[in-house]
C-alpha cells in the first residue's frame, strides 16, 4: 500500500500557483511546483503537485475549499493523480 497519495492542481496564472504552494505548505501538505502535464489542460505552464499521507481522508473537495477560502483561483484539482 502506498505511503502517500498525490494530486495536482492547475492554475490560470503563475502567481496563483505560487500563492497556493505557500498556503498548502503552511497547511501541512508536501508540495512541489511542476510543469503542467501535457495530458491536462491549463492556461498556466505551472501546476502544483501535492502529497498527503495515504491514511488521511483528504478529498479533492477539501483541497478546493482550502484554496477558495484563501482567495486563490485555480482551474482544476485532480486528486488522486494519476488515477
Protein backbone atom coordinates (compact mmCIF):
# COMPACT_ATOMS: atom_id res chain seq x y z
CA UNK A 1 0.00 0.00 0.00
CA UNK A 2 1.44 3.44 -0.90
CA UNK A 3 2.57 5.73 1.90
CA UNK A 4 1.24 8.83 0.14
CA UNK A 5 -1.46 9.85 -2.28
CA UNK A 6 -0.69 12.65 -4.68
CA UNK A 7 -2.77 15.15 -6.55
CA UNK A 8 -2.18 18.02 -8.94
CA UNK A 9 -3.74 21.47 -9.14
CA UNK A 10 -3.96 23.50 -12.35
CA UNK A 11 -3.99 27.30 -12.34
CA UNK A 12 -4.79 30.19 -14.66
CA UNK A 13 -1.74 32.20 -13.52
CA UNK A 14 1.75 31.59 -12.18
CA UNK A 15 1.11 33.93 -9.24
CA UNK A 16 -1.85 31.79 -8.14
CA UNK A 17 0.33 28.66 -8.31
CA UNK A 18 2.96 30.34 -6.12
CA UNK A 19 0.35 31.50 -3.59
CA UNK A 20 -1.17 28.02 -3.43
CA UNK A 21 2.25 26.47 -2.86
CA UNK A 22 2.85 28.73 0.14
CA UNK A 23 -0.65 28.20 1.51
CA UNK A 24 -0.80 24.41 1.18
CA UNK A 25 2.75 24.01 2.51
CA UNK A 26 1.70 26.06 5.53
CA UNK A 27 -1.32 23.78 5.97
CA UNK A 28 0.95 20.72 6.19
CA UNK A 29 0.87 19.43 2.61
CA UNK A 30 4.05 18.37 0.84
CA UNK A 31 4.08 20.46 -2.34
CA UNK A 32 6.16 21.00 -5.46
CA UNK A 33 5.68 23.29 -8.46
CA UNK A 34 5.90 21.23 -11.66
CA UNK A 35 5.28 21.82 -15.37
CA UNK A 36 1.63 21.25 -16.27
CA UNK A 37 1.30 17.66 -17.56
CA UNK A 38 0.60 17.57 -21.31
CA UNK A 39 -2.47 15.37 -20.87
CA UNK A 40 -4.10 18.05 -18.71
CA UNK A 41 -5.30 21.43 -19.94
CA UNK A 42 -4.36 24.72 -18.27
CA UNK A 43 -3.72 28.34 -19.16
CA UNK A 44 -0.65 28.36 -16.92
CA UNK A 45 2.57 26.44 -17.55
CA UNK A 46 2.89 25.53 -13.86
CA UNK A 47 0.90 23.09 -11.78
CA UNK A 48 1.22 22.26 -8.10
CA UNK A 49 1.76 18.65 -7.11
CA UNK A 50 0.78 17.85 -3.53
CA UNK A 51 1.02 14.74 -1.40
CA UNK A 52 -0.90 13.59 1.66
CA UNK A 53 -0.44 10.53 3.83
CA UNK A 54 -2.31 7.51 2.44
CA UNK A 55 -4.22 7.02 5.68
CA UNK A 56 -5.76 10.52 5.62
CA UNK A 57 -9.26 11.05 4.31
CA UNK A 58 -8.45 14.20 2.31
CA UNK A 59 -10.60 14.75 -0.78
CA UNK A 60 -10.38 16.98 -3.84
CA UNK A 61 -13.31 18.98 -2.44
CA UNK A 62 -11.39 19.72 0.77
CA UNK A 63 -8.38 20.94 -1.20
CA UNK A 64 -10.68 23.11 -3.34
CA UNK A 65 -12.25 24.61 -0.18
CA UNK A 66 -8.81 25.44 1.25
CA UNK A 67 -7.87 27.28 -1.93
CA UNK A 68 -11.23 29.06 -2.26
CA UNK A 69 -11.20 30.24 1.38
CA UNK A 70 -7.76 31.72 0.73
CA UNK A 71 -8.96 33.54 -2.38
CA UNK A 72 -6.70 31.50 -4.67
CA UNK A 73 -8.14 30.99 -8.15
CA UNK A 74 -7.48 27.61 -9.74
CA UNK A 75 -8.55 25.75 -12.86
CA UNK A 76 -8.92 22.19 -11.53
CA UNK A 77 -7.88 19.79 -8.77
CA UNK A 78 -7.05 16.26 -9.88
CA UNK A 79 -6.91 14.04 -6.79
CA UNK A 80 -5.80 11.38 -6.72
CA UNK A 81 -3.45 11.89 -9.67
CA UNK A 82 -2.59 9.82 -11.56
CA UNK A 83 -5.76 7.78 -11.12
